[in-house]
Amino acid sequence: MCGRYVVARATADLVSIFDVQDVGDGLPDPAWNIKPTNRVPVILESAKGEDEVIRRLEAGRWSLTPSYSKELKTKFATFNARSETAAEKATFRGSVKSKRAILPADFYYEWHTEGKTKTPYAIHSPNDELLAFAGLYTWWPDKSLPEDDWNYWTLTATILTRTAVGEVSQLHDRTPVTLPPSFWDEWLDAGQEGDQTLVDSAVAAATPVAEALEFHQVAPLKGDGPELLKPISS
């Protein structure tokens, strides 16, 4: 799973890395202790009005709320979605079809549990290259507001997870789907109708990235800053 993560790069860096054409408002500052429902950077491809499809960087709420939900807060946790079943679950299948995203990260955290003891670890690529989590998104309408209200639409997003492989499987049995750059365009392609086959292809493409992930133990997560990534002895 992925319950906390880090985005340490500035908006300009994300724009350059992902060839973003349009940058939305209210993007969050770099953060080292991102939690579910926090605002996070979300890369997606869509059209604005009658315009052609472009790649956009938007601020989204990390926990997907389907558009049919009456409330923004969901009954069950939706910050992660299992890749094996995302295409069949009512909450996620519409997004698999036409609203796929990438959520960038520099690190993510996982807790290894032994008995009642949970030990946090920071997980990253071998060269600290950016991680691109395969995600899904929706625009949730707050129907208590008039449609022309600035807050009527809320972008919400989730991170797809898979069975853990490689060294990180020692920590937890699930891990995010970490897309390589060669699969970014295919995953984001708004003109491609997504299904379970596409999700499975994303998982397969992500396997080499997942197998290469490294990690180190960190102190309990308190506050928000780069010091949270400091390695400590086990």
Protein backbone atom coordinates (compact mmCIF):
# COMPACT_ATOMS: atom_id res chain seq x y z
CA MET A 1 0.00 0.00 0.00
CA CYS A 2 1.01 3.64 0.10
CA GLY A 3 -0.22 5.70 3.05
CA ARG A 4 2.37 8.49 3.19
CA TYR A 5 4.74 9.92 0.62
CA VAL A 6 7.08 12.76 -0.33
CA VAL A 7 7.06 15.29 -3.17
CA ALA A 8 10.18 17.36 -2.67
CA ARG A 9 10.40 18.90 -6.14
CA ALA A 10 9.12 22.30 -7.17
CA THR A 11 6.25 22.71 -9.61
CA ALA A 12 8.64 23.88 -12.33
CA ASP A 13 10.58 20.61 -12.07
CA LEU A 14 7.41 18.53 -12.46
CA VAL A 15 6.35 20.61 -15.47
CA SER A 16 9.69 19.92 -17.14
CA ILE A 17 9.89 16.20 -16.30
CA PHE A 18 6.36 15.42 -17.52
CA ASP A 19 6.18 17.90 -20.43
CA VAL A 20 3.16 19.61 -18.89
CA GLN A 21 1.34 22.12 -21.11
CA ASP A 22 -1.08 23.65 -18.60
CA VAL A 23 -0.56 24.32 -14.88
CA GLY A 24 -3.56 24.64 -12.59
CA ASP A 25 -4.07 26.83 -9.55
CA GLY A 26 -3.30 26.08 -5.92
CA LEU A 27 -0.54 23.53 -6.40
CA PRO A 28 0.96 22.48 -3.06
CA ASP A 29 4.47 23.32 -1.91
CA PRO A 30 7.02 20.50 -1.54
CA ALA A 31 6.08 18.22 1.36
CA TRP A 32 7.77 15.33 3.15
CA ASN A 33 4.82 13.84 5.05
CA ILE A 34 1.85 13.76 2.68
CA LYS A 35 -1.22 12.07 4.13
CA PRO A 36 -4.52 10.91 2.60
CA THR A 37 -6.89 13.82 1.79
CA ASN A 38 -3.92 16.25 1.52
CA ARG A 39 -3.54 18.25 -1.69
CA VAL A 40 -1.07 16.62 -4.09
CA PRO A 41 0.24 17.22 -7.63
CA VAL A 42 -1.68 15.22 -10.24
CA ILE A 43 -0.67 14.86 -13.90
CA LEU A 44 -3.50 14.10 -16.33
CA GLU A 45 -4.55 14.62 -19.92
CA SER A 46 -7.91 16.15 -20.75
CA ALA A 47 -9.59 18.91 -22.69
CA LYS A 48 -10.82 22.19 -21.25
CA GLY A 49 -14.18 22.97 -22.81
CA GLU A 50 -13.91 22.56 -26.59
CA ASP A 51 -10.11 22.69 -26.61
CA GLU A 52 -7.89 19.82 -27.70
CA VAL A 53 -6.53 17.35 -25.17
CA ILE A 54 -3.46 18.65 -23.34
CA ARG A 55 -1.27 17.45 -20.49
CA ARG A 56 -2.07 19.24 -17.26
CA LEU A 57 -0.65 19.52 -13.77
CA GLU A 58 -3.38 20.07 -11.20
CA ALA A 59 -3.77 20.07 -7.43
CA GLY A 60 -5.91 17.15 -6.31
CA ARG A 61 -7.23 15.69 -3.09
CA TRP A 62 -5.49 12.40 -2.33
CA SER A 63 -8.49 10.07 -1.89
CA LEU A 64 -10.74 9.43 -4.84
CA THR A 65 -14.41 10.34 -4.53
CA PRO A 66 -16.63 9.02 -7.33
CA SER A 67 -18.73 11.70 -8.99
CA TYR A 68 -21.98 10.03 -7.88
CA SER A 69 -21.07 10.29 -4.18
CA LYS A 70 -23.22 12.73 -2.20
CA GLU A 71 -20.30 13.64 0.07
CA LEU A 72 -16.61 14.29 -0.52
CA LYS A 73 -15.66 12.02 2.36
CA THR A 74 -16.11 8.36 1.46
CA LYS A 75 -17.22 5.54 3.75
CA PHE A 76 -14.18 3.44 2.88
CA ALA A 77 -10.56 4.47 2.33
CA THR A 78 -9.93 5.33 -1.32
CA PHE A 79 -6.38 6.73 -1.32
CA ASN A 80 -5.22 3.39 -2.79
CA ALA A 81 -6.89 1.15 -5.36
CA ARG A 82 -5.92 -2.47 -5.94
CA SER A 83 -4.73 -2.88 -9.52
CA GLU A 84 -6.14 -6.40 -9.70
CA THR A 85 -9.74 -5.23 -9.25
CA ALA A 86 -9.80 -1.51 -10.14
CA ALA A 87 -11.50 -2.08 -13.51
CA GLU A 88 -14.45 -3.89 -11.91
CA LYS A 89 -15.04 -1.81 -8.77
CA ALA A 90 -17.79 0.80 -9.07
CA THR A 91 -15.64 3.41 -7.32
CA PHE A 92 -12.78 3.12 -9.80
CA ARG A 93 -13.91 1.52 -13.08
CA GLY A 94 -15.04 4.77 -14.70
CA SER A 95 -11.65 6.29 -13.98
CA VAL A 96 -9.83 3.25 -15.37
CA LYS A 97 -11.78 3.79 -18.57
CA SER A 98 -11.09 7.47 -19.16
CA LYS A 99 -9.51 9.28 -16.19
CA ARG A 100 -6.02 7.95 -15.56
CA ALA A 101 -3.31 10.01 -13.91
CA ILE A 102 0.23 10.01 -12.58
CA LEU A 103 0.99 11.08 -9.03
CA PRO A 104 4.71 11.97 -8.78
CA ALA A 105 6.75 11.19 -5.67
CA ASP A 106 10.36 11.32 -4.54
CA PHE A 107 9.93 8.81 -1.71
CA TYR A 108 7.14 6.91 -0.07
CA TYR A 109 6.94 5.43 3.41
CA GLU A 110 6.06 1.95 4.52
CA TRP A 111 5.83 0.42 7.97
CA HIS A 112 7.18 -3.05 8.69
CA THR A 113 5.18 -4.74 11.43
CA GLU A 114 6.57 -7.28 13.86
CA GLY A 115 4.15 -8.13 16.62
CA LYS A 116 2.91 -4.79 17.90
CA THR A 117 5.95 -2.86 16.68
CA LYS A 118 5.70 -0.82 13.48
CA THR A 119 8.97 0.48 12.04
CA PRO A 120 8.87 3.18 9.31
CA TYR A 121 11.04 3.03 6.19
CA ALA A 122 11.60 5.52 3.37
CA ILE A 123 11.50 3.88 -0.07
CA HIS A 124 13.08 5.37 -3.19
CA SER A 125 14.62 4.62 -6.58
CA PRO A 126 18.34 3.70 -6.66
CA ASN A 127 19.43 7.13 -7.93
CA ASP A 128 16.66 9.05 -6.20
CA GLU A 129 14.93 9.47 -9.56
CA LEU A 130 11.34 10.62 -9.51
CA LEU A 131 8.73 7.91 -8.95
CA ALA A 132 5.62 8.05 -11.13
CA PHE A 133 2.70 6.34 -9.38
CA ALA A 134 -0.04 5.10 -11.68
CA GLY A 135 -3.20 6.81 -10.49
CA LEU A 136 -6.85 7.41 -11.23
CA TYR A 137 -8.83 10.62 -10.84
CA THR A 138 -12.33 12.06 -10.78
CA TRP A 139 -13.86 15.52 -10.60
CA TRP A 140 -16.32 15.48 -7.71
CA PRO A 141 -19.20 18.02 -7.85
CA ASP A 142 -20.39 19.65 -4.65
CA LYS A 143 -24.08 19.94 -5.50
CA SER A 144 -24.76 22.04 -2.42
CA LEU A 145 -23.07 24.89 -4.32
CA PRO A 146 -24.12 26.68 -7.51
CA GLU A 147 -22.34 25.33 -10.59
CA ASP A 148 -20.54 28.59 -11.18
CA ASP A 149 -19.00 28.54 -7.69
CA TRP A 150 -15.19 28.26 -7.68
CA ASN A 151 -15.40 25.30 -5.25
CA TYR A 152 -18.07 23.34 -7.12
CA TRP A 153 -15.55 20.88 -8.59
CA THR A 154 -12.87 19.06 -6.57
CA LEU A 155 -10.21 16.98 -8.26
CA THR A 156 -9.70 13.72 -6.35
CA ALA A 157 -7.17 10.97 -7.01
CA THR A 158 -5.97 7.54 -5.90
CA ILE A 159 -2.76 5.51 -6.30
CA LEU A 160 -2.89 2.03 -7.81
CA THR A 161 -1.13 -0.71 -5.82
CA ARG A 162 0.17 -4.15 -6.70
CA THR A 163 1.75 -7.19 -5.07
CA ALA A 164 5.18 -6.17 -3.79
CA VAL A 165 8.23 -7.50 -5.60
CA GLY A 166 11.96 -7.19 -4.98
CA GLU A 167 13.48 -6.08 -1.70
CA VAL A 168 10.48 -3.98 -0.62
CA SER A 169 8.44 -7.17 -0.26
CA GLN A 170 10.32 -7.62 3.03
CA LEU A 171 8.46 -4.61 4.40
CA HIS A 172 4.92 -5.03 3.11
CA ASP A 173 2.99 -7.22 0.69
CA ARG A 174 1.73 -4.26 -1.39
CA THR A 175 3.50 -1.45 -3.22
CA PRO A 176 2.46 1.37 -5.59
CA VAL A 177 2.47 0.76 -9.35
CA THR A 178 5.64 2.68 -10.27
CA LEU A 179 5.51 3.49 -13.99
CA PRO A 180 8.70 3.82 -16.07
CA PRO A 181 8.93 6.88 -18.38
CA SER A 182 8.36 4.59 -21.38
CA PHE A 183 4.78 3.93 -20.17
CA TRP A 184 3.77 7.44 -19.10
CA ASP A 185 2.26 8.46 -22.43
CA GLU A 186 0.27 5.26 -22.82
CA TRP A 187 -1.12 5.46 -19.29
CA LEU A 188 -2.15 9.11 -19.60
CA ASP A 189 -3.52 8.86 -23.16
CA ALA A 190 -7.04 10.26 -22.87
CA GLY A 191 -7.90 8.85 -26.28
CA GLN A 192 -7.37 5.28 -25.16
CA GLU A 193 -10.26 3.52 -23.42
CA GLY A 194 -8.80 1.79 -20.40
CA ASP A 195 -9.68 -1.66 -19.11
CA GLN A 196 -8.13 -4.37 -16.96
CA THR A 197 -5.76 -5.29 -19.78
CA LEU A 198 -4.29 -1.78 -19.73
CA VAL A 199 -3.96 -1.90 -15.94
CA ASP A 200 -2.21 -5.26 -16.15
CA SER A 201 0.13 -3.85 -18.80
CA ALA A 202 0.96 -0.95 -16.48
CA VAL A 203 1.76 -3.36 -13.66
CA ALA A 204 4.01 -5.41 -15.95
CA ALA A 205 5.81 -2.27 -17.19
CA ALA A 206 6.27 -1.13 -13.59
CA THR A 207 7.87 -4.38 -12.41
CA PRO A 208 11.53 -3.48 -13.16
CA VAL A 209 11.11 -0.17 -11.34
CA ALA A 210 9.50 -1.88 -8.34
CA GLU A 211 12.17 -4.58 -8.21
CA ALA A 212 14.93 -1.96 -8.05
CA LEU A 213 13.47 0.10 -5.20
CA GLU A 214 15.67 0.66 -2.16
CA PHE A 215 14.81 1.67 1.40
CA HIS A 216 16.21 2.74 4.75
CA GLN A 217 14.79 2.99 8.23
CA VAL A 218 13.65 6.40 9.45
CA ALA A 219 12.40 7.82 12.73
CA PRO A 220 8.67 7.99 13.48
CA LEU A 221 7.04 10.53 11.18
CA LYS A 222 6.39 13.76 13.05
CA GLY A 223 6.00 17.15 11.43
CA ASP A 224 6.99 17.84 7.84
CA GLY A 225 10.49 18.43 6.52
CA PRO A 226 13.47 16.82 4.79
CA GLU A 227 14.78 15.61 8.15
CA LEU A 228 12.12 12.90 8.06
CA LEU A 229 14.18 11.10 5.40
CA LYS A 230 17.33 10.91 7.52
CA PRO A 231 18.46 7.26 7.84
CA ILE A 232 18.74 5.79 11.32
CA SER A 233 20.39 2.60 12.48
CA SER A 234 18.14 -0.41 12.92
